[in-house]
Amino acid sequence: MLALRAIAERITSLTQHINQLDRHLEPLVATTAPTLVGLLGIGTDIAGQLLVTAGDNPDRLHSEASFAKLCGVAPLPASSGRTDKHRLNRGGERQANRALHTTVVVRLRYCPRTQAYLQRRTTEGLTKRDIIRCLKRYVLREAHTAIMKDLARSA
């Protein structure tokens, strides 16, 4: 019981510390990237991760495709024989890919346009995994545009 109590106190202490750091991080991210934070499904944590991935030098992101490769959502052909399929690049930063995945999951739950897209593509024969791959790239396009706009504004 003593060990469980010590672990519970440690968890409570760490949770309070995380909440305190989040309160400091929120205004910093909102000031740096207000357009990015304004997108559906992108909060402080996800925006912060995408900003870290993009880096402080917007010249390094030549295009949306280079940002997609950096985040690990650039499609690679995975065809064999008569099938014409793609898969996501396994390279890139996994945390940025996770952030995009989280955004897609939020949009699938709350965005009617995304839900309609899922319905339409499912009737076309795509699997949910393929649809999420396409949606990640779509979210990345929106995020790249917002990041470039925010970085140009702050420069």
N, C-alpha and C. Protein backbone atom coordinates (compact mmCIF):
# COMPACT_ATOMS: atom_id res chain seq x y z
N MET A 1 0.82 -1.19 0.00
CA MET A 1 0.00 0.00 0.00
C MET A 1 0.86 1.26 0.00
N LEU A 2 1.98 1.17 0.72
CA LEU A 2 2.87 2.31 0.80
C LEU A 2 3.47 2.62 -0.57
N ALA A 3 3.86 1.59 -1.30
CA ALA A 3 4.42 1.78 -2.64
C ALA A 3 3.37 2.34 -3.60
N LEU A 4 2.14 1.85 -3.51
CA LEU A 4 1.07 2.36 -4.37
C LEU A 4 0.77 3.82 -4.07
N ARG A 5 0.78 4.18 -2.78
CA ARG A 5 0.55 5.57 -2.40
C ARG A 5 1.66 6.46 -2.94
N ALA A 6 2.90 6.01 -2.87
CA ALA A 6 4.03 6.78 -3.38
C ALA A 6 3.93 6.97 -4.89
N ILE A 7 3.53 5.92 -5.59
CA ILE A 7 3.37 6.02 -7.04
C ILE A 7 2.23 6.98 -7.38
N ALA A 8 1.12 6.91 -6.66
CA ALA A 8 0.00 7.81 -6.91
C ALA A 8 0.39 9.26 -6.65
N GLU A 9 1.15 9.52 -5.60
CA GLU A 9 1.61 10.88 -5.32
C GLU A 9 2.54 11.38 -6.42
N ARG A 10 3.38 10.49 -6.90
CA ARG A 10 4.31 10.86 -8.00
C ARG A 10 3.52 11.19 -9.27
N ILE A 11 2.51 10.39 -9.57
CA ILE A 11 1.68 10.64 -10.75
C ILE A 11 0.96 11.98 -10.62
N THR A 12 0.42 12.26 -9.45
CA THR A 12 -0.26 13.54 -9.22
C THR A 12 0.71 14.71 -9.38
N SER A 13 1.90 14.56 -8.83
CA SER A 13 2.91 15.62 -8.93
C SER A 13 3.31 15.87 -10.38
N LEU A 14 3.55 14.80 -11.13
CA LEU A 14 3.93 14.93 -12.54
C LEU A 14 2.79 15.52 -13.37
N THR A 15 1.56 15.14 -13.09
CA THR A 15 0.41 15.69 -13.80
C THR A 15 0.29 17.20 -13.57
N GLN A 16 0.50 17.63 -12.33
CA GLN A 16 0.48 19.06 -12.03
C GLN A 16 1.59 19.79 -12.77
N HIS A 17 2.75 19.17 -12.84
CA HIS A 17 3.89 19.78 -13.54
C HIS A 17 3.60 19.89 -15.05
N ILE A 18 3.02 18.86 -15.61
CA ILE A 18 2.66 18.87 -17.04
C ILE A 18 1.63 19.97 -17.31
N ASN A 19 0.63 20.08 -16.46
CA ASN A 19 -0.40 21.12 -16.64
C ASN A 19 0.20 22.51 -16.55
N GLN A 20 1.16 22.69 -15.64
CA GLN A 20 1.82 23.99 -15.51
C GLN A 20 2.61 24.32 -16.77
N LEU A 21 3.33 23.36 -17.30
CA LEU A 21 4.08 23.59 -18.54
C LEU A 21 3.15 23.84 -19.72
N ASP A 22 2.02 23.14 -19.78
CA ASP A 22 1.04 23.37 -20.85
C ASP A 22 0.49 24.78 -20.80
N ARG A 23 0.26 25.30 -19.59
CA ARG A 23 -0.23 26.68 -19.47
C ARG A 23 0.79 27.68 -20.01
N HIS A 24 2.08 27.39 -19.88
CA HIS A 24 3.11 28.26 -20.43
C HIS A 24 3.24 28.10 -21.94
N LEU A 25 3.05 26.88 -22.41
CA LEU A 25 3.22 26.58 -23.83
C LEU A 25 2.09 27.14 -24.68
N GLU A 26 0.88 27.13 -24.17
CA GLU A 26 -0.28 27.54 -24.96
C GLU A 26 -0.17 28.95 -25.53
N PRO A 27 0.17 29.99 -24.74
CA PRO A 27 0.27 31.32 -25.34
C PRO A 27 1.44 31.45 -26.31
N LEU A 28 2.52 30.69 -26.07
CA LEU A 28 3.66 30.75 -26.99
C LEU A 28 3.29 30.22 -28.36
N VAL A 29 2.63 29.08 -28.40
CA VAL A 29 2.23 28.48 -29.68
C VAL A 29 1.16 29.33 -30.34
N ALA A 30 0.21 29.85 -29.56
CA ALA A 30 -0.86 30.67 -30.13
C ALA A 30 -0.32 31.96 -30.72
N THR A 31 0.74 32.50 -30.13
CA THR A 31 1.35 33.72 -30.66
C THR A 31 2.16 33.42 -31.91
N THR A 32 2.87 32.30 -31.90
CA THR A 32 3.73 31.95 -33.02
C THR A 32 2.94 31.50 -34.24
N ALA A 33 1.90 30.71 -34.03
CA ALA A 33 1.16 30.12 -35.16
C ALA A 33 -0.35 30.20 -34.95
N PRO A 34 -0.94 31.39 -34.99
CA PRO A 34 -2.38 31.49 -34.77
C PRO A 34 -3.21 30.83 -35.88
N THR A 35 -2.74 30.88 -37.10
CA THR A 35 -3.48 30.26 -38.21
C THR A 35 -3.49 28.74 -38.06
N LEU A 36 -2.36 28.19 -37.66
CA LEU A 36 -2.24 26.73 -37.49
C LEU A 36 -3.13 26.25 -36.36
N VAL A 37 -3.13 26.96 -35.25
CA VAL A 37 -3.96 26.56 -34.11
C VAL A 37 -5.44 26.70 -34.44
N GLY A 38 -5.78 27.57 -35.37
CA GLY A 38 -7.17 27.77 -35.75
C GLY A 38 -7.76 26.65 -36.59
N LEU A 39 -6.94 25.75 -37.10
CA LEU A 39 -7.44 24.64 -37.91
C LEU A 39 -8.14 23.61 -37.04
N LEU A 40 -9.15 22.97 -37.61
CA LEU A 40 -9.92 21.98 -36.87
C LEU A 40 -9.05 20.78 -36.52
N GLY A 41 -9.07 20.40 -35.25
CA GLY A 41 -8.35 19.22 -34.80
C GLY A 41 -6.90 19.48 -34.44
N ILE A 42 -6.44 20.72 -34.57
CA ILE A 42 -5.05 21.04 -34.24
C ILE A 42 -5.05 21.95 -33.02
N GLY A 43 -4.59 21.40 -31.91
CA GLY A 43 -4.50 22.15 -30.68
C GLY A 43 -3.05 22.54 -30.42
N THR A 44 -2.79 22.91 -29.20
CA THR A 44 -1.46 23.38 -28.82
C THR A 44 -0.40 22.30 -28.99
N ASP A 45 -0.69 21.10 -28.55
CA ASP A 45 0.31 20.02 -28.62
C ASP A 45 0.66 19.67 -30.06
N ILE A 46 -0.35 19.53 -30.89
CA ILE A 46 -0.11 19.15 -32.28
C ILE A 46 0.55 20.28 -33.05
N ALA A 47 0.09 21.50 -32.82
CA ALA A 47 0.71 22.65 -33.49
C ALA A 47 2.17 22.78 -33.06
N GLY A 48 2.43 22.59 -31.79
CA GLY A 48 3.81 22.66 -31.30
C GLY A 48 4.69 21.60 -31.96
N GLN A 49 4.15 20.39 -32.10
CA GLN A 49 4.94 19.33 -32.74
C GLN A 49 5.20 19.64 -34.20
N LEU A 50 4.21 20.14 -34.91
CA LEU A 50 4.41 20.47 -36.32
C LEU A 50 5.37 21.64 -36.48
N LEU A 51 5.33 22.59 -35.56
CA LEU A 51 6.29 23.70 -35.61
C LEU A 51 7.71 23.22 -35.35
N VAL A 52 7.86 22.30 -34.42
CA VAL A 52 9.19 21.74 -34.14
C VAL A 52 9.69 20.98 -35.36
N THR A 53 8.82 20.24 -36.00
CA THR A 53 9.21 19.49 -37.19
C THR A 53 9.59 20.42 -38.33
N ALA A 54 8.81 21.47 -38.51
CA ALA A 54 9.10 22.44 -39.59
C ALA A 54 10.40 23.17 -39.31
N GLY A 55 10.71 23.41 -38.06
CA GLY A 55 11.93 24.12 -37.71
C GLY A 55 11.74 25.63 -37.82
N ASP A 56 12.78 26.34 -37.49
CA ASP A 56 12.71 27.80 -37.48
C ASP A 56 13.05 28.40 -38.84
N ASN A 57 13.46 27.57 -39.78
CA ASN A 57 13.89 28.06 -41.08
C ASN A 57 12.88 27.64 -42.15
N PRO A 58 11.99 28.56 -42.57
CA PRO A 58 10.98 28.16 -43.56
C PRO A 58 11.57 27.89 -44.94
N ASP A 59 12.80 28.36 -45.21
CA ASP A 59 13.42 28.10 -46.51
C ASP A 59 13.75 26.63 -46.69
N ARG A 60 13.85 25.90 -45.60
CA ARG A 60 14.18 24.48 -45.69
C ARG A 60 12.99 23.69 -46.24
N LEU A 61 11.79 24.23 -46.11
CA LEU A 61 10.59 23.60 -46.65
C LEU A 61 10.33 24.17 -48.04
N HIS A 62 10.91 23.56 -49.04
CA HIS A 62 10.78 24.07 -50.40
C HIS A 62 9.35 23.98 -50.90
N SER A 63 8.66 22.94 -50.49
CA SER A 63 7.30 22.74 -50.97
C SER A 63 6.52 21.92 -49.94
N GLU A 64 5.25 21.78 -50.21
CA GLU A 64 4.42 20.94 -49.36
C GLU A 64 4.90 19.49 -49.42
N ALA A 65 5.41 19.07 -50.57
CA ALA A 65 5.89 17.69 -50.73
C ALA A 65 7.11 17.42 -49.85
N SER A 66 8.00 18.41 -49.72
CA SER A 66 9.17 18.21 -48.87
C SER A 66 8.77 18.14 -47.40
N PHE A 67 7.75 18.91 -47.01
CA PHE A 67 7.24 18.83 -45.65
C PHE A 67 6.57 17.48 -45.42
N ALA A 68 5.87 16.97 -46.44
CA ALA A 68 5.23 15.66 -46.34
C ALA A 68 6.27 14.57 -46.13
N LYS A 69 7.37 14.66 -46.84
CA LYS A 69 8.43 13.66 -46.68
C LYS A 69 9.06 13.78 -45.29
N LEU A 70 9.21 15.01 -44.82
CA LEU A 70 9.77 15.24 -43.50
C LEU A 70 8.87 14.67 -42.41
N CYS A 71 7.57 14.72 -42.61
CA CYS A 71 6.61 14.21 -41.64
C CYS A 71 6.28 12.73 -41.84
N GLY A 72 6.76 12.14 -42.90
CA GLY A 72 6.52 10.72 -43.14
C GLY A 72 5.16 10.43 -43.72
N VAL A 73 4.57 11.37 -44.47
CA VAL A 73 3.27 11.12 -45.10
C VAL A 73 3.35 11.24 -46.61
N ALA A 74 4.54 11.16 -47.16
CA ALA A 74 4.69 11.18 -48.61
C ALA A 74 4.34 9.79 -49.14
N PRO A 75 3.47 9.69 -50.15
CA PRO A 75 3.09 8.37 -50.65
C PRO A 75 4.20 7.73 -51.46
N LEU A 76 4.35 6.44 -51.27
CA LEU A 76 5.28 5.65 -52.06
C LEU A 76 4.49 4.58 -52.79
N PRO A 77 4.85 4.30 -54.04
CA PRO A 77 4.12 3.24 -54.74
C PRO A 77 4.37 1.88 -54.08
N ALA A 78 3.32 1.13 -53.87
CA ALA A 78 3.41 -0.20 -53.29
C ALA A 78 2.62 -1.16 -54.16
N SER A 79 2.79 -1.05 -55.46
CA SER A 79 2.02 -1.84 -56.40
C SER A 79 2.75 -3.13 -56.74
N SER A 80 1.95 -4.11 -57.02
CA SER A 80 2.51 -5.37 -57.52
C SER A 80 1.48 -5.97 -58.46
N GLY A 81 1.95 -6.37 -59.61
CA GLY A 81 1.03 -6.97 -60.57
C GLY A 81 -0.01 -6.00 -61.07
N ARG A 82 -1.26 -6.34 -60.87
CA ARG A 82 -2.35 -5.53 -61.41
C ARG A 82 -2.87 -4.47 -60.44
N THR A 83 -2.40 -4.48 -59.21
CA THR A 83 -2.89 -3.50 -58.25
C THR A 83 -2.09 -2.21 -58.36
N ASP A 84 -2.76 -1.12 -58.09
CA ASP A 84 -2.13 0.19 -58.11
C ASP A 84 -2.39 0.83 -56.75
N LYS A 85 -1.44 0.63 -55.83
CA LYS A 85 -1.63 1.11 -54.47
C LYS A 85 -0.45 1.97 -54.06
N HIS A 86 -0.66 2.70 -52.97
CA HIS A 86 0.40 3.49 -52.36
C HIS A 86 0.42 3.21 -50.87
N ARG A 87 1.56 3.49 -50.27
CA ARG A 87 1.68 3.41 -48.83
C ARG A 87 2.44 4.64 -48.38
N LEU A 88 2.40 4.91 -47.07
CA LEU A 88 3.12 6.06 -46.56
C LEU A 88 4.59 5.74 -46.38
N ASN A 89 5.41 6.74 -46.58
CA ASN A 89 6.83 6.61 -46.37
C ASN A 89 7.10 6.35 -44.90
N ARG A 90 7.88 5.34 -44.59
CA ARG A 90 8.18 5.02 -43.19
C ARG A 90 9.23 5.96 -42.61
N GLY A 91 9.90 6.70 -43.47
CA GLY A 91 10.88 7.65 -42.99
C GLY A 91 10.21 8.88 -42.42
N GLY A 92 10.98 9.84 -42.06
CA GLY A 92 10.42 11.07 -41.52
C GLY A 92 10.26 11.00 -40.02
N GLU A 93 9.78 12.08 -39.48
CA GLU A 93 9.64 12.18 -38.03
C GLU A 93 8.35 11.51 -37.58
N ARG A 94 8.46 10.51 -36.75
CA ARG A 94 7.30 9.73 -36.33
C ARG A 94 6.34 10.54 -35.46
N GLN A 95 6.87 11.48 -34.67
CA GLN A 95 5.99 12.28 -33.82
C GLN A 95 5.11 13.21 -34.64
N ALA A 96 5.65 13.74 -35.73
CA ALA A 96 4.84 14.58 -36.62
C ALA A 96 3.76 13.73 -37.29
N ASN A 97 4.11 12.52 -37.68
CA ASN A 97 3.14 11.61 -38.28
C ASN A 97 2.03 11.29 -37.28
N ARG A 98 2.41 11.08 -36.03
CA ARG A 98 1.43 10.81 -34.97
C ARG A 98 0.50 12.01 -34.78
N ALA A 99 1.07 13.21 -34.83
CA ALA A 99 0.26 14.43 -34.68
C ALA A 99 -0.76 14.54 -35.81
N LEU A 100 -0.33 14.25 -37.03
CA LEU A 100 -1.26 14.28 -38.17
C LEU A 100 -2.33 13.22 -38.04
N HIS A 101 -1.94 12.04 -37.57
CA HIS A 101 -2.90 10.95 -37.37
C HIS A 101 -3.96 11.36 -36.33
N THR A 102 -3.52 11.98 -35.25
CA THR A 102 -4.46 12.43 -34.22
C THR A 102 -5.44 13.44 -34.78
N THR A 103 -4.94 14.36 -35.60
CA THR A 103 -5.80 15.36 -36.23
C THR A 103 -6.84 14.69 -37.13
N VAL A 104 -6.41 13.69 -37.90
CA VAL A 104 -7.33 12.98 -38.79
C VAL A 104 -8.41 12.26 -37.98
N VAL A 105 -8.02 11.64 -36.88
CA VAL A 105 -9.00 10.93 -36.04
C VAL A 105 -10.02 11.91 -35.47
N VAL A 106 -9.56 13.09 -35.04
CA VAL A 106 -10.47 14.11 -34.52
C VAL A 106 -11.43 14.57 -35.62
N ARG A 107 -10.89 14.79 -36.80
CA ARG A 107 -11.74 15.25 -37.90
C ARG A 107 -12.73 14.18 -38.33
N LEU A 108 -12.33 12.92 -38.30
CA LEU A 108 -13.26 11.84 -38.64
C LEU A 108 -14.42 11.80 -37.66
N ARG A 109 -14.18 12.22 -36.46
CA ARG A 109 -15.23 12.18 -35.44
C ARG A 109 -16.13 13.41 -35.48
N TYR A 110 -15.55 14.60 -35.75
CA TYR A 110 -16.31 15.83 -35.57
C TYR A 110 -16.59 16.62 -36.85
N CYS A 111 -15.92 16.35 -37.93
CA CYS A 111 -16.07 17.16 -39.14
C CYS A 111 -17.00 16.46 -40.13
N PRO A 112 -18.13 17.07 -40.48
CA PRO A 112 -19.06 16.43 -41.43
C PRO A 112 -18.45 16.24 -42.81
N ARG A 113 -17.60 17.18 -43.26
CA ARG A 113 -16.96 17.03 -44.57
C ARG A 113 -16.05 15.81 -44.60
N THR A 114 -15.30 15.61 -43.52
CA THR A 114 -14.40 14.46 -43.45
C THR A 114 -15.20 13.16 -43.38
N GLN A 115 -16.29 13.17 -42.65
CA GLN A 115 -17.14 11.99 -42.56
C GLN A 115 -17.74 11.65 -43.92
N ALA A 116 -18.14 12.69 -44.67
CA ALA A 116 -18.69 12.47 -46.01
C ALA A 116 -17.60 11.92 -46.94
N TYR A 117 -16.37 12.42 -46.79
CA TYR A 117 -15.25 11.93 -47.58
C TYR A 117 -15.00 10.45 -47.28
N LEU A 118 -15.03 10.09 -46.00
CA LEU A 118 -14.84 8.70 -45.60
C LEU A 118 -15.92 7.83 -46.23
N GLN A 119 -17.16 8.28 -46.19
CA GLN A 119 -18.27 7.51 -46.77
C GLN A 119 -18.08 7.33 -48.28
N ARG A 120 -17.73 8.44 -48.95
CA ARG A 120 -17.59 8.39 -50.41
C ARG A 120 -16.44 7.47 -50.82
N ARG A 121 -15.30 7.61 -50.16
CA ARG A 121 -14.14 6.79 -50.53
C ARG A 121 -14.33 5.32 -50.16
N THR A 122 -15.11 5.06 -49.10
CA THR A 122 -15.40 3.67 -48.74
C THR A 122 -16.24 3.00 -49.82
N THR A 123 -17.21 3.76 -50.37
CA THR A 123 -18.02 3.19 -51.44
C THR A 123 -17.20 2.98 -52.72
N GLU A 124 -16.10 3.74 -52.85
CA GLU A 124 -15.21 3.56 -54.00
C GLU A 124 -14.30 2.35 -53.83
N GLY A 125 -14.33 1.73 -52.65
CA GLY A 125 -13.56 0.51 -52.44
C GLY A 125 -12.26 0.68 -51.67
N LEU A 126 -11.98 1.85 -51.15
CA LEU A 126 -10.75 2.04 -50.37
C LEU A 126 -10.95 1.55 -48.95
N THR A 127 -9.88 1.09 -48.36
CA THR A 127 -9.93 0.68 -46.96
C THR A 127 -9.80 1.92 -46.08
N LYS A 128 -10.16 1.77 -44.83
CA LYS A 128 -10.07 2.90 -43.90
C LYS A 128 -8.62 3.34 -43.74
N ARG A 129 -7.71 2.42 -43.79
CA ARG A 129 -6.29 2.73 -43.69
C ARG A 129 -5.84 3.62 -44.87
N ASP A 130 -6.28 3.28 -46.07
CA ASP A 130 -5.95 4.09 -47.24
C ASP A 130 -6.58 5.48 -47.16
N ILE A 131 -7.79 5.53 -46.64
CA ILE A 131 -8.48 6.81 -46.51
C ILE A 131 -7.76 7.70 -45.50
N ILE A 132 -7.31 7.12 -44.40
CA ILE A 132 -6.56 7.89 -43.40
C ILE A 132 -5.26 8.39 -44.00
N ARG A 133 -4.62 7.58 -44.84
CA ARG A 133 -3.39 8.02 -45.52
C ARG A 133 -3.66 9.25 -46.37
N CYS A 134 -4.75 9.24 -47.12
CA CYS A 134 -5.11 10.39 -47.96
C CYS A 134 -5.45 11.60 -47.10
N LEU A 135 -6.15 11.38 -46.01
CA LEU A 135 -6.54 12.49 -45.13
C LEU A 135 -5.32 13.10 -44.44
N LYS A 136 -4.34 12.28 -44.11
CA LYS A 136 -3.11 12.82 -43.50
C LYS A 136 -2.44 13.80 -44.46
N ARG A 137 -2.40 13.42 -45.71
CA ARG A 137 -1.77 14.31 -46.70
C ARG A 137 -2.59 15.59 -46.85
N TYR A 138 -3.91 15.49 -46.81
CA TYR A 138 -4.76 16.67 -46.92
C TYR A 138 -4.54 17.60 -45.71
N VAL A 139 -4.49 17.03 -44.51
CA VAL A 139 -4.25 17.83 -43.30
C VAL A 139 -2.87 18.47 -43.38
N LEU A 140 -1.91 17.73 -43.89
CA LEU A 140 -0.56 18.28 -44.01
C LEU A 140 -0.54 19.48 -44.96
N ARG A 141 -1.30 19.40 -46.05
CA ARG A 141 -1.38 20.55 -46.98
C ARG A 141 -1.90 21.79 -46.27
N GLU A 142 -2.98 21.62 -45.51
CA GLU A 142 -3.53 22.74 -44.76
C GLU A 142 -2.53 23.26 -43.73
N ALA A 143 -1.87 22.35 -43.01
CA ALA A 143 -0.92 22.75 -41.98
C ALA A 143 0.28 23.46 -42.60
N HIS A 144 0.76 22.97 -43.74
CA HIS A 144 1.92 23.60 -44.40
C HIS A 144 1.57 25.03 -44.81
N THR A 145 0.40 25.22 -45.39
CA THR A 145 -0.02 26.56 -45.79
C THR A 145 -0.11 27.48 -44.57
N ALA A 146 -0.68 26.97 -43.48
CA ALA A 146 -0.81 27.78 -42.27
C ALA A 146 0.55 28.10 -41.66
N ILE A 147 1.46 27.12 -41.62
CA ILE A 147 2.79 27.35 -41.06
C ILE A 147 3.55 28.38 -41.88
N MET A 148 3.50 28.25 -43.19
CA MET A 148 4.22 29.22 -44.03
C MET A 148 3.63 30.62 -43.86
N LYS A 149 2.32 30.71 -43.73
CA LYS A 149 1.69 32.01 -43.52
C LYS A 149 2.10 32.60 -42.18
N ASP A 150 2.10 31.77 -41.14
CA ASP A 150 2.49 32.24 -39.82
C ASP A 150 3.97 32.63 -39.74
N LEU A 151 4.82 31.81 -40.34
CA LEU A 151 6.25 32.13 -40.31
C LEU A 151 6.59 33.36 -41.12
N ALA A 152 5.86 33.57 -42.22
CA ALA A 152 6.08 34.77 -43.03
C ALA A 152 5.61 36.02 -42.28
N ARG A 153 4.53 35.86 -41.53
CA ARG A 153 4.00 36.97 -40.75
C ARG A 153 4.95 37.36 -39.63
N SER A 154 5.56 36.37 -38.99
CA SER A 154 6.44 36.65 -37.84
C SER A 154 7.84 37.09 -38.27
N ALA A 155 8.19 36.85 -39.54
CA ALA A 155 9.55 37.21 -39.99
C ALA A 155 9.71 38.68 -40.27
